[in-house]
Amino acid sequence: MARIAIVTGAGSGIGRAVARGLLKAGYSVALAGRRREALDETAKEAGGDALVVPTDVTKSSSVDALFEATKAKFRRVDLLFNNAGVNAVAPIDQLTDDQWKGVVDTNLTGMFYCARAAIRTMKAQSPRGGRIINNGSISAHAPRPLQSVYTATKHGVTGLTKSISLECRAFDICCGQIDIGNALTEMAAKMQSGVMQANGTVAKEPLIDVNIVAKSVLYMDSLPLDANVLFHTVMANQMPFVGRG
């Protein structure tokens, strides 16, 4: 029987690559994101058994509807790739209220809504259990300049990951986090021309093929539910992360 996955932010970037990888591996996948056209494009590119569900993760009612639609179509949920995220780049003292709230609502509150719905589903289904993989980021460990709100949310994701892993292990629910450094997506492509470093200079940074992230998610989900990858870091080997800024 095919495994059932939900991927948020599936209309572009990392979410699209992971959704495509899961579909090609034989999963049935619910594709969640705000733009139906982009989700339809993901489904068309990948083929396989895809369900398109336009979703706003900042609204708990929309997230609940996503899980209900997935259960109605596929009967259960084995994997949530909790991926939807946005960024705002500005000095801390120039961040607006709306910028702060917009990033927090998507990256942290939205991730909580999705995890909560997944836990409720995985507890109740038979066979019980499943796996949640939260998209953290290298920023869950170290900030980039001018990205305070993104970094704050990703540190929050780490706390959420640990809490879910602790509270839900009794219900055969595993929760892990994938921390990605410089995967080549539309959002990260600018790093090829230069991005601000810790010392204020601008430098090009290497990137990895985004499909490597999909392979990482597939590996994490290949484990039985008595084993968990709590944190998985996949990054461009020569990016300036390990060492002094």
Foldseek 3Di string as FASTA:
>chain_A
DAAEEEFEPCLFDLNLLLVLLSQLVAHAYEYEEQDQVSSVVSCVVRPHHYHYQYADLLDLVRLLVSVVVSCVVPVAHAEYELEDFDFDFAAPVPDDPCRLCVRCSTLAVSSVSNVVSNLVRQLPDPVHEHEYEYEQALLLPPDFHRTVSSSVSSVNVLVVQVVCCVPCLVGLYHYAYEYEAAADTPVRVCLQVWDAGPVGDTDRFDHHHSNVVSVVVVVQRVDGSVDGHRYHYDYDPPGPRPDDD
